Amino acid sequence: MRSIFPVPEQDEWLSVDEIAKNLKMDVETVRNWIRRKQLKAYRFGRDYRIRREDFDAFVRERATTDDEE
């Protein structure tokens, strides 16, 4: 049976707690980014999950220098 919401199996999903810990920031800061639609997330019940590629893009967009210089 095919899912009506296909999710590629290779996607890695991160929790709000994992992102907060990785960035050494408060969990509420991460939730605020999600609520403001700055960080793309998916809600499952009461929990948010963020695809690794969306988190990586979020971090890259906030770089203060260009890697190509």
Protein backbone atom coordinates (compact mmCIF):
# COMPACT_ATOMS: atom_id res chain seq x y z
CA MET A 1 0.00 0.00 0.00
CA ARG A 2 1.40 3.38 -1.02
CA SER A 3 1.33 6.23 1.43
CA ILE A 4 -0.51 9.38 0.43
CA PHE A 5 2.29 11.32 2.13
CA PRO A 6 5.50 9.76 0.85
CA VAL A 7 8.55 10.60 2.92
CA PRO A 8 11.91 9.58 1.50
CA GLU A 9 13.46 6.95 3.74
CA GLN A 10 16.87 8.61 3.66
CA ASP A 11 15.61 11.75 5.44
CA GLU A 12 17.12 12.24 8.86
CA TRP A 13 14.73 13.84 11.36
CA LEU A 14 15.84 16.00 14.28
CA SER A 15 13.90 17.01 17.37
CA VAL A 16 13.72 20.52 18.80
CA ASP A 17 15.81 19.28 21.75
CA GLU A 18 18.53 17.92 19.45
CA ILE A 19 18.77 21.22 17.56
CA ALA A 20 18.85 23.26 20.76
CA LYS A 21 21.59 21.04 22.17
CA ASN A 22 23.59 21.18 18.91
CA LEU A 23 23.47 25.00 18.85
CA LYS A 24 23.80 25.34 22.65
CA MET A 25 20.61 27.38 22.72
CA ASP A 26 17.38 27.27 24.68
CA VAL A 27 14.61 24.98 23.38
CA GLU A 28 12.17 27.92 23.38
CA THR A 29 14.43 29.80 20.94
CA VAL A 30 14.17 26.91 18.47
CA ARG A 31 10.40 26.73 18.94
CA ASN A 32 10.16 30.49 18.30
CA TRP A 33 12.06 30.08 15.01
CA ILE A 34 9.55 27.41 14.03
CA ARG A 35 6.53 29.51 15.03
CA ARG A 36 7.90 32.47 13.06
CA LYS A 37 8.43 30.12 10.08
CA GLN A 38 12.17 30.82 10.05
CA LEU A 39 12.94 27.13 10.55
CA LYS A 40 10.86 24.66 8.55
CA ALA A 41 9.36 21.95 10.75
CA TYR A 42 6.69 19.27 10.69
CA ARG A 43 4.30 18.76 13.56
CA PHE A 44 3.46 15.26 14.73
CA GLY A 45 0.98 15.41 17.59
CA ARG A 46 2.48 17.85 20.06
CA ASP A 47 6.06 17.45 18.80
CA TYR A 48 7.97 19.13 16.01
CA ARG A 49 10.46 17.33 13.78
CA ILE A 50 12.91 19.04 11.45
CA ARG A 51 14.56 17.41 8.47
CA ARG A 52 18.36 17.51 8.65
CA GLU A 53 18.56 19.21 5.23
CA ASP A 54 16.18 21.99 6.38
CA PHE A 55 18.25 22.53 9.54
CA ASP A 56 21.49 22.63 7.51
CA ALA A 57 19.96 25.20 5.13
CA PHE A 58 18.76 27.29 8.10
CA VAL A 59 22.31 27.37 9.51
CA ARG A 60 23.91 28.17 6.11
CA GLU A 61 21.52 31.09 5.57
CA ARG A 62 22.80 32.66 8.78
CA ALA A 63 26.50 32.58 7.92
CA THR A 64 28.21 35.93 8.40
CA THR A 65 30.89 35.24 5.80
CA ASP A 66 30.86 33.75 2.33
CA ASP A 67 32.71 30.41 2.15
CA GLU A 68 33.87 31.16 -1.39
CA GLU A 69 36.01 34.17 -0.49
